[in-house]
């Protein structure tokens, strides 16, 4: 887990569901095949309307045509981020697309757990309605230890508090739930199992 996360924002609204994060027609690729896996990055957030409906900044593609990674590293969302089906492909595709953190007012419970358990990215909750102030392309810095997000504007900056990660921070630091369980001695390590 990085102590400081820096990158540009990609801003979404409320109730971004897993079909918007990765539409069902793109679930045909293997996550274990490196070449096919890249397509999850290519199609990440391809179900979000880009005509401005539901996007505070008028809509921009998350991943540019012909690419597999986004130029953005931090997603800013509203309430109920990741609602819909329980598919693990949704947080996985965001990681494959290069996302380091998603900051939202609230998360759908299963999406939050899948994000943490798979070690895909850090899901931060915030009491603030950041989608009103932050725009896609704004430069952001997240200080993970302090639990703060800073928006950098020309000649000024604004900082918001993030809710503490609590016990899930240990899972995120370990890399995923299985690595955490191995380090905690809850399951045998690969070396001792062999």
Foldseek 3Di string as FASTA:
>chain_A
DDQKDKAFEAEFEEDAELCQQANPVLPPFDCVDVVSVLVLQVCGSVNPDQCQVGQVARGDDQCDPPGSAGRGAEYEYEYAPHDDDLDLSRLQSNLSNRHAEYEYQYYDVSNQQSCLQQLSHHYWHFVDNCSVPGHGGFIWMARLVQQKIWTDDVPDIDIGHIDHPPPSVLSNVLRHNVSSCCVVVVDPDPVVVD
